[in-house]
PDB file of N, CA and C in Angstrom:
ATOM      1  N   MET A   1       0.846  -1.171   0.000  1.00  0.00           N
ATOM      2  CA  MET A   1       0.000   0.000   0.000  1.00  0.00           C
ATOM      3  C   MET A   1       0.893   1.237   0.000  1.00  0.00           C
ATOM      4  N   SER A   2       0.469   2.218  -0.739  1.00  0.00           N
ATOM      5  CA  SER A   2       1.212   3.463  -0.825  1.00  0.00           C
ATOM      6  C   SER A   2       0.321   4.604  -0.331  1.00  0.00           C
ATOM      7  N   LEU A   3       0.824   5.403   0.576  1.00  0.00           N
ATOM      8  CA  LEU A   3       0.105   6.561   1.107  1.00  0.00           C
ATOM      9  C   LEU A   3       0.920   7.810   0.843  1.00  0.00           C
ATOM     10  N   ARG A   4       0.246   8.918   0.727  1.00  0.00           N
ATOM     11  CA  ARG A   4       0.933  10.200   0.510  1.00  0.00           C
ATOM     12  C   ARG A   4       0.657  11.104   1.703  1.00  0.00           C
ATOM     13  N   TYR A   5       1.691  11.732   2.214  1.00  0.00           N
ATOM     14  CA  TYR A   5       1.581  12.670   3.328  1.00  0.00           C
ATOM     15  C   TYR A   5       2.281  13.969   2.967  1.00  0.00           C
ATOM     16  N   PRO A   6       1.686  15.102   3.292  1.00  0.00           N
ATOM     17  CA  PRO A   6       2.389  16.368   3.085  1.00  0.00           C
ATOM     18  C   PRO A   6       3.508  16.497   4.119  1.00  0.00           C
ATOM     19  N   ILE A   7       4.600  17.110   3.726  1.00  0.00           N
ATOM     20  CA  ILE A   7       5.704  17.350   4.661  1.00  0.00           C
ATOM     21  C   ILE A   7       6.103  18.815   4.599  1.00  0.00           C
ATOM     22  N   LEU A   8       6.684  19.290   5.695  1.00  0.00           N
ATOM     23  CA  LEU A   8       7.236  20.643   5.757  1.00  0.00           C
ATOM     24  C   LEU A   8       8.745  20.523   5.852  1.00  0.00           C
ATOM     25  N   LEU A   9       9.453  21.157   4.941  1.00  0.00           N
ATOM     26  CA  LEU A   9      10.909  21.095   4.883  1.00  0.00           C
ATOM     27  C   LEU A   9      11.451  22.491   5.124  1.00  0.00           C
ATOM     28  N   GLN A  10      12.335  22.611   6.103  1.00  0.00           N
ATOM     29  CA  GLN A  10      12.908  23.922   6.436  1.00  0.00           C
ATOM     30  C   GLN A  10      14.424  23.827   6.494  1.00  0.00           C
ATOM     31  N   LYS A  11      15.070  24.731   5.772  1.00  0.00           N
ATOM     32  CA  LYS A  11      16.531  24.792   5.800  1.00  0.00           C
ATOM     33  C   LYS A  11      16.978  25.446   7.099  1.00  0.00           C
ATOM     34  N   SER A  12      18.036  24.896   7.684  1.00  0.00           N
ATOM     35  CA  SER A  12      18.610  25.466   8.896  1.00  0.00           C
ATOM     36  C   SER A  12      20.123  25.537   8.727  1.00  0.00           C
ATOM     37  N   ASP A  13      20.795  26.057   9.730  1.00  0.00           N
ATOM     38  CA  ASP A  13      22.256  26.144   9.672  1.00  0.00           C
ATOM     39  C   ASP A  13      22.914  24.762   9.615  1.00  0.00           C
ATOM     40  N   GLU A  14      22.251  23.755  10.209  1.00  0.00           N
ATOM     41  CA  GLU A  14      22.812  22.409  10.276  1.00  0.00           C
ATOM     42  C   GLU A  14      22.396  21.524   9.109  1.00  0.00           C
ATOM     43  N   GLY A  15      21.437  21.965   8.286  1.00  0.00           N
ATOM     44  CA  GLY A  15      20.939  21.141   7.188  1.00  0.00           C
ATOM     45  C   GLY A  15      19.466  21.420   6.965  1.00  0.00           C
ATOM     46  N   TYR A  16      18.650  20.378   7.084  1.00  0.00           N
ATOM     47  CA  TYR A  16      17.216  20.515   6.850  1.00  0.00           C
ATOM     48  C   TYR A  16      16.435  19.831   7.967  1.00  0.00           C
ATOM     49  N   ALA A  17      15.403  20.515   8.437  1.00  0.00           N
ATOM     50  CA  ALA A  17      14.453  19.930   9.376  1.00  0.00           C
ATOM     51  C   ALA A  17      13.194  19.622   8.592  1.00  0.00           C
ATOM     52  N   VAL A  18      12.556  18.498   8.893  1.00  0.00           N
ATOM     53  CA  VAL A  18      11.368  18.096   8.144  1.00  0.00           C
ATOM     54  C   VAL A  18      10.355  17.479   9.105  1.00  0.00           C
ATOM     55  N   SER A  19       9.074  17.799   8.875  1.00  0.00           N
ATOM     56  CA  SER A  19       8.015  17.245   9.718  1.00  0.00           C
ATOM     57  C   SER A  19       6.831  16.861   8.845  1.00  0.00           C
ATOM     58  N   CYS A  20       5.940  16.062   9.435  1.00  0.00           N
ATOM     59  CA  CYS A  20       4.721  15.623   8.760  1.00  0.00           C
ATOM     60  C   CYS A  20       3.541  16.145   9.577  1.00  0.00           C
ATOM     61  N   PRO A  21       2.911  17.254   9.169  1.00  0.00           N
ATOM     62  CA  PRO A  21       1.828  17.859   9.949  1.00  0.00           C
ATOM     63  C   PRO A  21       0.641  16.918  10.205  1.00  0.00           C
ATOM     64  N   ALA A  22       0.419  15.959   9.320  1.00  0.00           N
ATOM     65  CA  ALA A  22      -0.696  15.026   9.496  1.00  0.00           C
ATOM     66  C   ALA A  22      -0.445  14.030  10.624  1.00  0.00           C
ATOM     67  N   LEU A  23       0.815  13.909  11.038  1.00  0.00           N
ATOM     68  CA  LEU A  23       1.182  12.989  12.114  1.00  0.00           C
ATOM     69  C   LEU A  23       1.935  13.774  13.192  1.00  0.00           C
ATOM     70  N   PRO A  24       1.218  14.383  14.133  1.00  0.00           N
ATOM     71  CA  PRO A  24       1.865  15.196  15.157  1.00  0.00           C
ATOM     72  C   PRO A  24       2.993  14.444  15.866  1.00  0.00           C
ATOM     73  N   GLY A  25       4.119  15.114  15.986  1.00  0.00           N
ATOM     74  CA  GLY A  25       5.281  14.521  16.638  1.00  0.00           C
ATOM     75  C   GLY A  25       6.188  13.751  15.691  1.00  0.00           C
ATOM     76  N   CYS A  26       5.802  13.667  14.428  1.00  0.00           N
ATOM     77  CA  CYS A  26       6.610  12.939  13.448  1.00  0.00           C
ATOM     78  C   CYS A  26       7.507  13.938  12.727  1.00  0.00           C
ATOM     79  N   TRP A  27       8.794  13.882  13.023  1.00  0.00           N
ATOM     80  CA  TRP A  27       9.742  14.811  12.420  1.00  0.00           C
ATOM     81  C   TRP A  27      11.089  14.129  12.256  1.00  0.00           C
ATOM     82  N   SER A  28      11.959  14.725  11.467  1.00  0.00           N
ATOM     83  CA  SER A  28      13.306  14.219  11.260  1.00  0.00           C
ATOM     84  C   SER A  28      14.177  15.357  10.759  1.00  0.00           C
ATOM     85  N   GLN A  29      15.358  15.009  10.297  1.00  0.00           N
ATOM     86  CA  GLN A  29      16.294  16.004   9.784  1.00  0.00           C
ATOM     87  C   GLN A  29      17.280  15.318   8.861  1.00  0.00           C
ATOM     88  N   GLY A  30      18.078  16.099   8.173  1.00  0.00           N
ATOM     89  CA  GLY A  30      19.115  15.560   7.311  1.00  0.00           C
ATOM     90  C   GLY A  30      20.081  16.646   6.903  1.00  0.00           C
ATOM     91  N   ALA A  31      21.270  16.247   6.515  1.00  0.00           N
ATOM     92  CA  ALA A  31      22.288  17.200   6.089  1.00  0.00           C
ATOM     93  C   ALA A  31      21.923  17.837   4.751  1.00  0.00           C
ATOM     94  N   THR A  32      21.227  17.062   3.894  1.00  0.00           N
ATOM     95  CA  THR A  32      20.785  17.563   2.596  1.00  0.00           C
ATOM     96  C   THR A  32      19.263  17.429   2.512  1.00  0.00           C
ATOM     97  N   GLU A  33      18.676  18.086   1.539  1.00  0.00           N
ATOM     98  CA  GLU A  33      17.225  17.976   1.337  1.00  0.00           C
ATOM     99  C   GLU A  33      16.839  16.518   1.043  1.00  0.00           C
ATOM    100  N   GLU A  34      17.604  15.857   0.206  1.00  0.00           N
ATOM    101  CA  GLU A  34      17.316  14.471  -0.147  1.00  0.00           C
ATOM    102  C   GLU A  34      17.385  13.557   1.075  1.00  0.00           C
ATOM    103  N   GLU A  35      18.404  13.754   1.911  1.00  0.00           N
ATOM    104  CA  GLU A  35      18.546  12.945   3.117  1.00  0.00           C
ATOM    105  C   GLU A  35      17.384  13.192   4.078  1.00  0.00           C
ATOM    106  N   ALA A  36      16.982  14.444   4.226  1.00  0.00           N
ATOM    107  CA  ALA A  36      15.867  14.776   5.116  1.00  0.00           C
ATOM    108  C   ALA A  36      14.576  14.125   4.636  1.00  0.00           C
ATOM    109  N   VAL A  37      14.326  14.149   3.328  1.00  0.00           N
ATOM    110  CA  VAL A  37      13.107  13.543   2.781  1.00  0.00           C
ATOM    111  C   VAL A  37      13.132  12.024   2.993  1.00  0.00           C
ATOM    112  N   GLU A  38      14.264  11.400   2.766  1.00  0.00           N
ATOM    113  CA  GLU A  38      14.359   9.953   3.004  1.00  0.00           C
ATOM    114  C   GLU A  38      14.177   9.637   4.486  1.00  0.00           C
ATOM    115  N   ASN A  39      14.736  10.470   5.348  1.00  0.00           N
ATOM    116  CA  ASN A  39      14.606  10.247   6.784  1.00  0.00           C
ATOM    117  C   ASN A  39      13.158  10.402   7.255  1.00  0.00           C
ATOM    118  N   ILE A  40      12.411  11.351   6.675  1.00  0.00           N
ATOM    119  CA  ILE A  40      11.012  11.511   7.097  1.00  0.00           C
ATOM    120  C   ILE A  40      10.183  10.337   6.581  1.00  0.00           C
ATOM    121  N   ARG A  41      10.546   9.772   5.450  1.00  0.00           N
ATOM    122  CA  ARG A  41       9.853   8.553   4.996  1.00  0.00           C
ATOM    123  C   ARG A  41       9.985   7.454   6.040  1.00  0.00           C
ATOM    124  N   ASP A  42      11.201   7.255   6.521  1.00  0.00           N
ATOM    125  CA  ASP A  42      11.432   6.250   7.569  1.00  0.00           C
ATOM    126  C   ASP A  42      10.672   6.597   8.845  1.00  0.00           C
ATOM    127  N   ALA A  43      10.690   7.870   9.217  1.00  0.00           N
ATOM    128  CA  ALA A  43      10.000   8.310  10.437  1.00  0.00           C
ATOM    129  C   ALA A  43       8.493   8.084  10.326  1.00  0.00           C
ATOM    130  N   ILE A  44       7.922   8.348   9.154  1.00  0.00           N
ATOM    131  CA  ILE A  44       6.488   8.129   8.942  1.00  0.00           C
ATOM    132  C   ILE A  44       6.170   6.645   9.073  1.00  0.00           C
ATOM    133  N   ARG A  45       6.972   5.781   8.456  1.00  0.00           N
ATOM    134  CA  ARG A  45       6.758   4.333   8.566  1.00  0.00           C
ATOM    135  C   ARG A  45       6.791   3.890  10.027  1.00  0.00           C
ATOM    136  N   GLU A  46       7.783   4.348  10.765  1.00  0.00           N
ATOM    137  CA  GLU A  46       7.918   3.975  12.173  1.00  0.00           C
ATOM    138  C   GLU A  46       6.776   4.539  13.011  1.00  0.00           C
ATOM    139  N   HIS A  47       6.370   5.758  12.728  1.00  0.00           N
ATOM    140  CA  HIS A  47       5.271   6.398  13.450  1.00  0.00           C
ATOM    141  C   HIS A  47       3.978   5.598  13.248  1.00  0.00           C
ATOM    142  N   LEU A  48       3.671   5.238  12.007  1.00  0.00           N
ATOM    143  CA  LEU A  48       2.471   4.472  11.714  1.00  0.00           C
ATOM    144  C   LEU A  48       2.525   3.077  12.343  1.00  0.00           C
ATOM    145  N   ALA A  49       3.692   2.451  12.343  1.00  0.00           N
ATOM    146  CA  ALA A  49       3.840   1.137  12.971  1.00  0.00           C
ATOM    147  C   ALA A  49       3.578   1.229  14.469  1.00  0.00           C
ATOM    148  N   ALA A  50       4.075   2.278  15.101  1.00  0.00           N
ATOM    149  CA  ALA A  50       3.857   2.461  16.541  1.00  0.00           C
ATOM    150  C   ALA A  50       2.381   2.672  16.847  1.00  0.00           C
ATOM    151  N   ILE A  51       1.691   3.450  16.010  1.00  0.00           N
ATOM    152  CA  ILE A  51       0.256   3.658  16.202  1.00  0.00           C
ATOM    153  C   ILE A  51      -0.482   2.330  16.078  1.00  0.00           C
ATOM    154  N   ASN A  52      -0.155   1.537  15.060  1.00  0.00           N
ATOM    155  CA  ASN A  52      -0.823   0.256  14.850  1.00  0.00           C
ATOM    156  C   ASN A  52      -0.604  -0.705  16.016  1.00  0.00           C
ATOM    157  N   GLN A  53       0.556  -0.659  16.644  1.00  0.00           N
ATOM    158  CA  GLN A  53       0.845  -1.537  17.778  1.00  0.00           C
ATOM    159  C   GLN A  53       0.060  -1.143  19.017  1.00  0.00           C
ATOM    160  N   THR A  54      -0.299   0.116  19.140  1.00  0.00           N
ATOM    161  CA  THR A  54      -0.999   0.562  20.344  1.00  0.00           C
ATOM    162  C   THR A  54      -2.519   0.509  20.209  1.00  0.00           C
ATOM    163  N   LEU A  55      -3.025   0.316  18.985  1.00  0.00           N
ATOM    164  CA  LEU A  55      -4.475   0.252  18.794  1.00  0.00           C
ATOM    165  C   LEU A  55      -4.994  -1.120  19.201  1.00  0.00           C
ATOM    166  N   PRO A  56      -6.121  -1.157  19.885  1.00  0.00           N
ATOM    167  CA  PRO A  56      -6.719  -2.464  20.186  1.00  0.00           C
ATOM    168  C   PRO A  56      -7.248  -3.089  18.895  1.00  0.00           C
ATOM    169  N   ALA A  57      -7.127  -4.384  18.766  1.00  0.00           N
ATOM    170  CA  ALA A  57      -7.548  -5.066  17.541  1.00  0.00           C
ATOM    171  C   ALA A  57      -9.061  -5.022  17.350  1.00  0.00           C
ATOM    172  N   VAL A  58      -9.809  -5.016  18.427  1.00  0.00           N
ATOM    173  CA  VAL A  58     -11.261  -5.021  18.346  1.00  0.00           C
ATOM    174  C   VAL A  58     -11.765  -3.596  18.105  1.00  0.00           C
ATOM    175  N   GLY A  59     -12.628  -3.434  17.137  1.00  0.00           N
ATOM    176  CA  GLY A  59     -13.235  -2.132  16.889  1.00  0.00           C
ATOM    177  C   GLY A  59     -12.473  -1.231  15.948  1.00  0.00           C
ATOM    178  N   VAL A  60     -11.305  -1.632  15.478  1.00  0.00           N
ATOM    179  CA  VAL A  60     -10.539  -0.801  14.557  1.00  0.00           C
ATOM    180  C   VAL A  60     -11.088  -0.993  13.160  1.00  0.00           C
ATOM    181  N   ARG A  61     -11.391   0.102  12.512  1.00  0.00           N
ATOM    182  CA  ARG A  61     -11.904   0.053  11.141  1.00  0.00           C
ATOM    183  C   ARG A  61     -11.148   1.080  10.302  1.00  0.00           C
ATOM    184  N   GLU A  62     -11.271   0.938   9.004  1.00  0.00           N
ATOM    185  CA  GLU A  62     -10.651   1.890   8.079  1.00  0.00           C
ATOM    186  C   GLU A  62     -11.730   2.524   7.239  1.00  0.00           C
ATOM    187  N   VAL A  63     -11.502   3.766   6.855  1.00  0.00           N
ATOM    188  CA  VAL A  63     -12.379   4.446   5.927  1.00  0.00           C
ATOM    189  C   VAL A  63     -11.531   5.020   4.803  1.00  0.00           C
ATOM    190  N   GLU A  64     -12.107   5.110   3.643  1.00  0.00           N
ATOM    191  CA  GLU A  64     -11.405   5.708   2.511  1.00  0.00           C
ATOM    192  C   GLU A  64     -11.946   7.113   2.313  1.00  0.00           C
ATOM    193  N   VAL A  65     -11.032   8.060   2.121  1.00  0.00           N
ATOM    194  CA  VAL A  65     -11.395   9.450   1.929  1.00  0.00           C
ATOM    195  C   VAL A  65     -10.752   9.940   0.646  1.00  0.00           C
ATOM    196  N   THR A  66     -11.530  10.549  -0.211  1.00  0.00           N
ATOM    197  CA  THR A  66     -11.008  11.136  -1.434  1.00  0.00           C
ATOM    198  C   THR A  66     -10.922  12.644  -1.235  1.00  0.00           C
ATOM    199  N   VAL A  67      -9.758  13.189  -1.525  1.00  0.00           N
ATOM    200  CA  VAL A  67      -9.547  14.626  -1.350  1.00  0.00           C
ATOM    201  C   VAL A  67      -9.334  15.258  -2.704  1.00  0.00           C
TER     202      VAL A  67
END
C-alpha cells in the first residue's frame, strides 16, 4: 500500500528539518534535502507502525477518503 503525506521542509544552519503535519510529533532532519526527505519517509513508517501496535484489535476500522 502506498500513502501520501504532506511534509514541511525547512533549511537550517545544520541542514534541513522536516516534519509531517498530518502525524503530530513525526519529524526528522538531514544534512541535505534528499537525506531529510528519506529520513522523514522512515519516520512516517515507524510512526504508523507504533500507532498500529498501540491500537486495540477489536473495533478498529478503516475508511477511505477522497480529497
